[in-house]
Amino acid sequence: MPSMTITLELTPHVAASLAAQARGVSLDTYVRNLIEEQAAAVDHREQPMTLEPFEAELDALAADSETLPYLPAEALTRERFDQDHD
């Protein structure tokens, strides 16, 4: 696919915010990089995860979970959540 040119009208606030985030890179380059990163992330999400990487993600989430404090089931009732809100 050939390259595409897009013209954006940004409010001064958004332009200033993006320029500050660009940290020395031209605003054009910075915005192009943001779009390319987002496009790559969308492409990645469209591919279903196989079982092995899924289990690896779960293992990473569970790492060190044994060090978390115990929370009894009574602490998770609606009444406990709402006790400070009358």
C-alpha atoms as a PDB file:
ATOM      1  CA  MET A   1       0.000   0.000   0.000  1.00  0.00           C
ATOM      2  CA  PRO A   2       1.392   3.428  -0.866  1.00  0.00           C
ATOM      3  CA  SER A   3       2.019   5.946   1.888  1.00  0.00           C
ATOM      4  CA  MET A   4      -0.855   8.194   2.946  1.00  0.00           C
ATOM      5  CA  THR A   5      -0.860  11.838   3.956  1.00  0.00           C
ATOM      6  CA  ILE A   6      -3.268  12.974   6.665  1.00  0.00           C
ATOM      7  CA  THR A   7      -3.909  16.556   7.727  1.00  0.00           C
ATOM      8  CA  LEU A   8      -5.028  17.089  11.324  1.00  0.00           C
ATOM      9  CA  GLU A   9      -6.460  20.181  12.942  1.00  0.00           C
ATOM     10  CA  LEU A  10      -5.383  20.166  16.575  1.00  0.00           C
ATOM     11  CA  THR A  11      -6.436  22.576  19.271  1.00  0.00           C
ATOM     12  CA  PRO A  12      -3.547  24.626  20.679  1.00  0.00           C
ATOM     13  CA  HIS A  13      -3.853  22.672  23.942  1.00  0.00           C
ATOM     14  CA  VAL A  14      -3.559  19.257  22.220  1.00  0.00           C
ATOM     15  CA  ALA A  15      -0.703  20.467  19.997  1.00  0.00           C
ATOM     16  CA  ALA A  16       1.196  21.784  23.023  1.00  0.00           C
ATOM     17  CA  SER A  17       0.607  18.567  24.951  1.00  0.00           C
ATOM     18  CA  LEU A  18       1.847  16.423  22.052  1.00  0.00           C
ATOM     19  CA  ALA A  19       4.861  18.698  21.524  1.00  0.00           C
ATOM     20  CA  ALA A  20       5.771  18.335  25.200  1.00  0.00           C
ATOM     21  CA  GLN A  21       5.506  14.551  24.966  1.00  0.00           C
ATOM     22  CA  ALA A  22       7.584  14.468  21.761  1.00  0.00           C
ATOM     23  CA  ARG A  23      10.740  15.401  23.713  1.00  0.00           C
ATOM     24  CA  GLY A  24      12.830  16.831  20.899  1.00  0.00           C
ATOM     25  CA  VAL A  25      11.318  14.754  18.070  1.00  0.00           C
ATOM     26  CA  SER A  26       9.349  16.667  15.445  1.00  0.00           C
ATOM     27  CA  LEU A  27       5.611  16.660  16.067  1.00  0.00           C
ATOM     28  CA  ASP A  28       5.036  14.988  12.677  1.00  0.00           C
ATOM     29  CA  THR A  29       7.400  12.151  13.554  1.00  0.00           C
ATOM     30  CA  TYR A  30       5.982  11.775  17.054  1.00  0.00           C
ATOM     31  CA  VAL A  31       2.362  11.545  15.863  1.00  0.00           C
ATOM     32  CA  ARG A  32       3.344   9.134  13.062  1.00  0.00           C
ATOM     33  CA  ASN A  33       5.078   6.913  15.660  1.00  0.00           C
ATOM     34  CA  LEU A  34       1.973   6.987  17.870  1.00  0.00           C
ATOM     35  CA  ILE A  35      -0.218   5.904  14.968  1.00  0.00           C
ATOM     36  CA  GLU A  36       2.209   3.147  13.928  1.00  0.00           C
ATOM     37  CA  GLU A  37       2.391   1.821  17.517  1.00  0.00           C
ATOM     38  CA  GLN A  38      -1.398   1.795  17.784  1.00  0.00           C
ATOM     39  CA  ALA A  39      -1.763   0.035  14.426  1.00  0.00           C
ATOM     40  CA  ALA A  40       0.767  -2.611  15.502  1.00  0.00           C
ATOM     41  CA  ALA A  41      -1.078  -3.127  18.805  1.00  0.00           C
ATOM     42  CA  VAL A  42      -4.383  -3.610  16.977  1.00  0.00           C
ATOM     43  CA  ASP A  43      -2.771  -6.095  14.582  1.00  0.00           C
ATOM     44  CA  HIS A  44      -1.370  -7.989  17.554  1.00  0.00           C
ATOM     45  CA  ARG A  45      -4.743  -8.146  19.347  1.00  0.00           C
ATOM     46  CA  GLU A  46      -6.473  -9.589  16.300  1.00  0.00           C
ATOM     47  CA  GLN A  47      -4.367 -12.738  16.479  1.00  0.00           C
ATOM     48  CA  PRO A  48      -5.772 -15.242  18.978  1.00  0.00           C
ATOM     49  CA  MET A  49      -3.431 -16.181  21.784  1.00  0.00           C
ATOM     50  CA  THR A  50      -2.434 -19.823  21.876  1.00  0.00           C
ATOM     51  CA  LEU A  51      -2.629 -21.804  25.084  1.00  0.00           C
ATOM     52  CA  GLU A  52       1.087 -21.679  25.902  1.00  0.00           C
ATOM     53  CA  PRO A  53       1.469 -17.861  25.948  1.00  0.00           C
ATOM     54  CA  PHE A  54      -1.879 -17.564  27.724  1.00  0.00           C
ATOM     55  CA  GLU A  55      -0.696 -19.880  30.495  1.00  0.00           C
ATOM     56  CA  ALA A  56       2.591 -17.940  30.684  1.00  0.00           C
ATOM     57  CA  GLU A  57       0.618 -14.707  31.161  1.00  0.00           C
ATOM     58  CA  LEU A  58      -1.427 -16.331  33.938  1.00  0.00           C
ATOM     59  CA  ASP A  59       1.738 -17.609  35.606  1.00  0.00           C
ATOM     60  CA  ALA A  60       3.233 -14.111  35.484  1.00  0.00           C
ATOM     61  CA  LEU A  61       0.090 -12.684  37.093  1.00  0.00           C
ATOM     62  CA  ALA A  62       0.181 -15.338  39.794  1.00  0.00           C
ATOM     63  CA  ALA A  63       3.884 -14.882  40.570  1.00  0.00           C
ATOM     64  CA  ASP A  64       4.371 -13.934  44.203  1.00  0.00           C
ATOM     65  CA  SER A  65       0.626 -14.115  44.843  1.00  0.00           C
ATOM     66  CA  GLU A  66       1.314 -16.250  47.906  1.00  0.00           C
ATOM     67  CA  THR A  67       2.746 -13.129  49.560  1.00  0.00           C
ATOM     68  CA  LEU A  68      -0.543 -11.247  49.242  1.00  0.00           C
ATOM     69  CA  PRO A  69      -2.461 -10.856  52.496  1.00  0.00           C
ATOM     70  CA  TYR A  70      -5.461 -13.126  53.053  1.00  0.00           C
ATOM     71  CA  LEU A  71      -8.806 -11.413  52.507  1.00  0.00           C
ATOM     72  CA  PRO A  72     -11.793 -13.254  53.988  1.00  0.00           C
ATOM     73  CA  ALA A  73     -14.961 -13.593  51.891  1.00  0.00           C
ATOM     74  CA  GLU A  74     -16.875 -11.461  54.432  1.00  0.00           C
ATOM     75  CA  ALA A  75     -14.756  -8.486  53.387  1.00  0.00           C
ATOM     76  CA  LEU A  76     -16.227  -8.634  49.884  1.00  0.00           C
ATOM     77  CA  THR A  77     -19.915  -8.256  50.703  1.00  0.00           C
ATOM     78  CA  ARG A  78     -22.010  -5.353  49.402  1.00  0.00           C
ATOM     79  CA  GLU A  79     -22.638  -4.235  52.972  1.00  0.00           C
ATOM     80  CA  ARG A  80     -18.888  -3.908  53.610  1.00  0.00           C
ATOM     81  CA  PHE A  81     -18.380  -1.867  50.445  1.00  0.00           C
ATOM     82  CA  ASP A  82     -21.309   0.409  51.243  1.00  0.00           C
ATOM     83  CA  GLN A  83     -20.719   0.799  54.993  1.00  0.00           C
ATOM     84  CA  ASP A  84     -19.148   4.263  54.586  1.00  0.00           C
ATOM     85  CA  HIS A  85     -21.874   5.507  52.222  1.00  0.00           C
ATOM     86  CA  ASP A  86     -25.247   6.341  53.736  1.00  0.00           C
END
